[in-house]
Amino acid sequence: MLKRPLILKLIALFMFIYPLLQVAFLSIEKERSFQYTLNWTLTSLTVLDFFNFWFLFPLSGVLLLGVKIYSYVAFIAIQLYSFYFHLNYEPFSWPYLAKTPSASSYILLGINMIIVGYLLLPRSREIFFDKSLRWWERGSRYTINEPCFAKYDGKEVHGKVCDLSFGGALLELDEPIPKGKVINLDFDILGKEVSLQAEVIRFINTDGKPMFGTKFNFKNIFEKFKIKFLMFSISKIGNYDKYR
């Protein structure tokens, strides 16, 4: 979460403190103390109003930091809901209790719309729709050059694991394996036997040597945890070169 782009973290922070900003503006406009207004919003609202006031915008901040397609759509939907609410505000209803929403509410709404406009820009949308741009999700990769065996369709191919990351491995094999094949990959590292299922996803020809990029197919959460712990151990001992 800490590695998210700064602009997303700033927008999310604004969403998190949005309810407190509303409390501050309401207390100024109603000439009440901040503490009084805060207590009133915590104890005197209906369940729906309480959720809309205290959780709707912080939830949109959490969604934004998810940096997924669904979180992007949900975030935009929440902001449009806020815009719709202001356009259809009922006089003297919660939260402004006035004939029309206050000036401060329109200021916050304007900031929200600027944020929406920014996120609708093609370059801003890309980070949500193109996984390859999420640099913080790419695990570190280490050159290990350890012997391995790749088994598929009753065959066993010898080779070596050239480099390793949490998501997959680059293999140099004695015989080619077709792209799309699912293999059982076995190798030893740090005195431990590692056995994983992997899919061959690309072929690379490096200096005349055929290399095969693979993606791990984890069967359960325990396999994920095992590889996470393995990568953590590799990062600490310094025996292998890190190049990403």
Protein backbone atom coordinates (compact mmCIF):
# COMPACT_ATOMS: atom_id res chain seq x y z
CA MET A 1 0.00 0.00 0.00
CA LEU A 2 2.85 2.39 0.78
CA LYS A 3 4.26 2.01 -2.73
CA ARG A 4 1.19 3.42 -4.48
CA PRO A 5 1.75 6.55 -6.63
CA LEU A 6 1.83 9.73 -4.54
CA ILE A 7 -1.11 11.33 -6.35
CA LEU A 8 -3.35 8.36 -5.50
CA LYS A 9 -2.29 8.49 -1.85
CA LEU A 10 -3.04 12.22 -1.68
CA ILE A 11 -6.49 11.74 -3.23
CA ALA A 12 -7.19 8.84 -0.86
CA LEU A 13 -6.06 10.97 2.11
CA PHE A 14 -8.50 13.68 1.05
CA MET A 15 -11.28 11.06 0.90
CA PHE A 16 -10.36 9.79 4.39
CA ILE A 17 -10.55 13.25 6.00
CA TYR A 18 -13.56 14.37 3.94
CA PRO A 19 -16.07 13.69 6.78
CA LEU A 20 -13.98 15.75 9.22
CA LEU A 21 -13.84 18.59 6.71
CA GLN A 22 -17.62 18.47 6.50
CA VAL A 23 -17.87 18.59 10.29
CA ALA A 24 -15.55 21.61 10.36
CA PHE A 25 -17.52 23.48 7.70
CA LEU A 26 -20.87 22.63 9.33
CA SER A 27 -19.65 23.84 12.71
CA ILE A 28 -18.55 27.16 11.17
CA GLU A 29 -21.75 27.67 9.19
CA LYS A 30 -24.08 26.70 12.08
CA GLU A 31 -21.94 28.64 14.57
CA ARG A 32 -21.51 25.58 16.75
CA SER A 33 -18.34 24.19 18.25
CA PHE A 34 -16.50 21.49 16.36
CA GLN A 35 -16.99 19.09 19.30
CA TYR A 36 -20.74 19.73 19.40
CA THR A 37 -21.14 19.15 15.66
CA LEU A 38 -18.96 16.06 15.80
CA ASN A 39 -21.00 14.54 18.63
CA TRP A 40 -24.23 15.35 16.82
CA THR A 41 -23.11 13.60 13.62
CA LEU A 42 -22.06 10.55 15.65
CA THR A 43 -25.24 10.18 17.69
CA SER A 44 -28.21 11.74 15.88
CA LEU A 45 -28.19 10.35 12.33
CA THR A 46 -30.15 7.55 10.75
CA VAL A 47 -28.16 4.48 9.74
CA LEU A 48 -28.13 5.49 6.06
CA ASP A 49 -27.17 9.10 6.78
CA PHE A 50 -24.46 7.92 9.17
CA PHE A 51 -22.99 5.62 6.50
CA ASN A 52 -23.16 8.29 3.79
CA PHE A 53 -21.55 10.89 6.03
CA TRP A 54 -18.78 8.88 7.73
CA PHE A 55 -18.03 5.95 5.45
CA LEU A 56 -18.96 6.68 1.84
CA PHE A 57 -15.96 8.84 0.98
CA PRO A 58 -13.36 6.98 3.09
CA LEU A 59 -14.59 3.82 1.36
CA SER A 60 -13.98 5.46 -2.01
CA GLY A 61 -10.43 6.26 -0.86
CA VAL A 62 -9.83 2.62 0.01
CA LEU A 63 -11.22 1.57 -3.37
CA LEU A 64 -8.93 4.01 -5.13
CA LEU A 65 -5.85 2.53 -3.46
CA GLY A 66 -6.94 -0.91 -4.68
CA VAL A 67 -5.96 0.23 -8.20
CA LYS A 68 -8.24 -2.33 -9.85
CA ILE A 69 -10.79 -1.92 -12.63
CA TYR A 70 -13.70 -2.55 -10.27
CA SER A 71 -12.33 -0.09 -7.69
CA TYR A 72 -11.95 2.58 -10.38
CA VAL A 73 -15.57 2.12 -11.51
CA ALA A 74 -16.84 2.12 -7.91
CA PHE A 75 -14.85 5.27 -7.06
CA ILE A 76 -16.24 7.16 -10.05
CA ALA A 77 -19.75 5.94 -9.21
CA ILE A 78 -19.49 7.26 -5.64
CA GLN A 79 -18.36 10.67 -6.85
CA LEU A 80 -21.20 10.81 -9.39
CA TYR A 81 -23.62 9.84 -6.62
CA SER A 82 -22.36 12.83 -4.61
CA PHE A 83 -22.84 15.09 -7.64
CA TYR A 84 -26.38 13.74 -8.17
CA PHE A 85 -27.20 14.29 -4.48
CA HIS A 86 -26.20 17.94 -4.65
CA LEU A 87 -28.24 18.49 -7.81
CA ASN A 88 -31.30 16.92 -6.17
CA TYR A 89 -30.85 18.28 -2.65
CA GLU A 90 -34.10 18.61 -0.69
CA PRO A 91 -34.37 21.94 1.19
CA PHE A 92 -33.65 21.77 4.93
CA SER A 93 -32.64 18.11 4.78
CA TRP A 94 -29.50 16.51 6.13
CA PRO A 95 -26.64 17.33 6.13
CA TYR A 96 -26.89 21.07 5.37
CA LEU A 97 -30.28 21.80 6.99
CA ALA A 98 -30.68 24.82 4.75
CA LYS A 99 -32.60 25.82 1.64
CA THR A 100 -29.61 24.97 -0.55
CA PRO A 101 -26.25 23.25 0.07
CA SER A 102 -23.67 25.57 1.61
CA ALA A 103 -20.83 27.22 -0.27
CA SER A 104 -18.34 24.95 1.46
CA SER A 105 -20.20 21.87 0.21
CA TYR A 106 -19.87 23.14 -3.35
CA ILE A 107 -16.16 23.71 -2.77
CA LEU A 108 -15.75 20.07 -1.70
CA LEU A 109 -17.94 18.97 -4.60
CA GLY A 110 -15.77 20.98 -6.98
CA ILE A 111 -12.64 19.30 -5.65
CA ASN A 112 -14.31 15.91 -6.13
CA MET A 113 -15.18 16.73 -9.73
CA ILE A 114 -11.59 17.86 -10.41
CA ILE A 115 -10.40 14.50 -9.05
CA VAL A 116 -12.91 12.66 -11.26
CA GLY A 117 -11.75 14.67 -14.27
CA TYR A 118 -8.14 13.81 -13.51
CA LEU A 119 -8.89 10.09 -13.18
CA LEU A 120 -10.86 10.10 -16.45
CA LEU A 121 -7.79 11.27 -18.37
CA PRO A 122 -6.38 8.46 -20.56
CA ARG A 123 -2.98 8.45 -18.82
CA SER A 124 -4.64 8.29 -15.40
CA ARG A 125 -6.96 5.47 -16.42
CA GLU A 126 -4.11 3.33 -17.74
CA ILE A 127 -2.79 2.45 -14.29
CA PHE A 128 -6.15 0.87 -13.41
CA PHE A 129 -6.67 -0.98 -16.70
CA ASP A 130 -3.10 -2.03 -17.60
CA LYS A 131 -1.49 -4.31 -15.01
CA SER A 132 1.92 -3.92 -16.62
CA LEU A 133 2.04 -0.30 -15.43
CA ARG A 134 1.65 -1.24 -11.76
CA TRP A 135 5.36 -1.16 -11.00
CA TRP A 136 4.81 -1.72 -7.26
CA GLU A 137 3.21 -5.14 -7.92
CA ARG A 138 6.30 -6.50 -9.65
CA GLY A 139 8.24 -8.64 -7.24
CA SER A 140 12.02 -8.51 -7.01
CA ARG A 141 13.82 -10.91 -9.34
CA TYR A 142 17.07 -12.73 -8.55
CA THR A 143 19.63 -14.49 -10.75
CA ILE A 144 20.06 -17.97 -9.24
CA ASN A 145 21.24 -20.40 -12.03
CA GLU A 146 20.16 -23.52 -10.16
CA PRO A 147 19.61 -26.93 -11.89
CA CYS A 148 16.01 -27.94 -12.45
CA PHE A 149 13.71 -30.51 -14.02
CA ALA A 150 10.58 -29.61 -15.99
CA LYS A 151 8.05 -32.43 -16.31
CA TYR A 152 5.07 -32.48 -18.68
CA ASP A 153 3.13 -35.06 -20.70
CA GLY A 154 5.24 -37.87 -19.26
CA LYS A 155 8.49 -36.18 -20.33
CA GLU A 156 11.29 -34.82 -18.14
CA VAL A 157 13.49 -32.02 -19.43
CA HIS A 158 16.68 -30.98 -17.67
CA GLY A 159 17.80 -27.38 -17.44
CA LYS A 160 18.37 -24.57 -14.98
CA VAL A 161 16.41 -21.81 -13.33
CA CYS A 162 18.18 -18.69 -14.55
CA ASP A 163 16.22 -16.24 -12.45
CA LEU A 164 13.39 -16.38 -9.98
CA SER A 165 10.66 -14.08 -8.68
CA PHE A 166 7.52 -14.61 -6.65
CA GLY A 167 5.41 -14.82 -9.80
CA GLY A 168 7.53 -17.06 -12.00
CA ALA A 169 10.91 -18.20 -13.27
CA LEU A 170 13.04 -17.93 -16.38
CA LEU A 171 14.31 -21.34 -17.49
CA GLU A 172 17.10 -22.48 -19.78
CA LEU A 173 16.16 -25.99 -20.95
CA ASP A 174 17.89 -28.74 -22.92
CA GLU A 175 14.76 -29.23 -25.02
CA PRO A 176 12.07 -26.76 -26.06
CA ILE A 177 8.67 -26.81 -24.39
CA PRO A 178 5.71 -25.35 -26.31
CA LYS A 179 4.19 -22.11 -25.12
CA GLY A 180 1.06 -22.69 -23.06
CA LYS A 181 2.24 -26.01 -21.64
CA VAL A 182 1.75 -26.54 -17.91
CA ILE A 183 4.81 -28.12 -16.30
CA ASN A 184 5.83 -29.42 -12.90
CA LEU A 185 9.02 -27.56 -12.02
CA ASP A 186 11.46 -29.03 -9.48
CA PHE A 187 14.66 -27.39 -8.23
CA ASP A 188 16.73 -26.98 -5.06
CA ILE A 189 17.65 -23.68 -3.47
CA LEU A 190 18.97 -22.76 -0.03
CA GLY A 191 18.95 -26.45 0.84
CA LYS A 192 15.23 -26.72 0.17
CA GLU A 193 13.37 -28.68 -2.48
CA VAL A 194 10.91 -26.57 -4.41
CA SER A 195 8.18 -28.18 -6.49
CA LEU A 196 5.66 -25.96 -8.28
CA GLN A 197 3.27 -26.04 -11.17
CA ALA A 198 4.05 -23.43 -13.82
CA GLU A 199 2.86 -22.39 -17.25
CA VAL A 200 5.21 -21.57 -20.11
CA ILE A 201 4.11 -18.11 -21.22
CA ARG A 202 6.89 -16.92 -23.53
CA PHE A 203 9.97 -17.95 -25.48
CA ILE A 204 13.14 -15.85 -25.44
CA ASN A 205 16.25 -16.37 -27.59
CA THR A 206 19.24 -14.92 -25.71
CA ASP A 207 22.64 -15.23 -27.40
CA GLY A 208 21.47 -18.36 -29.20
CA LYS A 209 20.20 -19.95 -25.98
CA PRO A 210 16.50 -20.77 -25.84
CA MET A 211 14.94 -19.39 -22.65
CA PHE A 212 11.43 -19.99 -21.41
CA GLY A 213 9.49 -17.59 -19.22
CA THR A 214 7.06 -19.29 -16.86
CA LYS A 215 4.29 -18.15 -14.53
CA PHE A 216 3.62 -20.06 -11.32
CA ASN A 217 0.17 -21.61 -10.88
CA PHE A 218 -0.25 -21.71 -7.12
CA LYS A 219 -2.60 -24.46 -5.96
CA ASN A 220 -3.34 -22.89 -2.59
CA ILE A 221 -2.41 -20.08 -0.23
CA PHE A 222 0.21 -22.26 1.47
CA GLU A 223 2.24 -22.50 -1.74
CA LYS A 224 2.08 -18.71 -2.07
CA PHE A 225 3.26 -18.28 1.50
CA LYS A 226 6.09 -20.78 0.94
CA ILE A 227 7.40 -18.88 -2.10
CA LYS A 228 6.97 -15.53 -0.36
CA PHE A 229 9.09 -16.80 2.50
CA LEU A 230 11.63 -18.26 0.04
CA MET A 231 11.98 -14.91 -1.77
CA PHE A 232 12.37 -13.16 1.58
CA SER A 233 15.18 -15.59 2.53
CA ILE A 234 16.91 -15.05 -0.81
CA SER A 235 16.76 -11.28 -0.34
CA LYS A 236 18.44 -11.52 3.08
CA ILE A 237 21.40 -13.82 2.46
CA GLY A 238 22.94 -11.92 -0.45
CA ASN A 239 24.09 -15.04 -2.34
CA TYR A 240 22.11 -14.14 -5.44
CA ASP A 241 22.16 -11.01 -7.58
CA LYS A 242 19.06 -8.89 -7.59
CA TYR A 243 18.34 -7.12 -10.85
CA ARG A 244 14.81 -5.79 -10.35
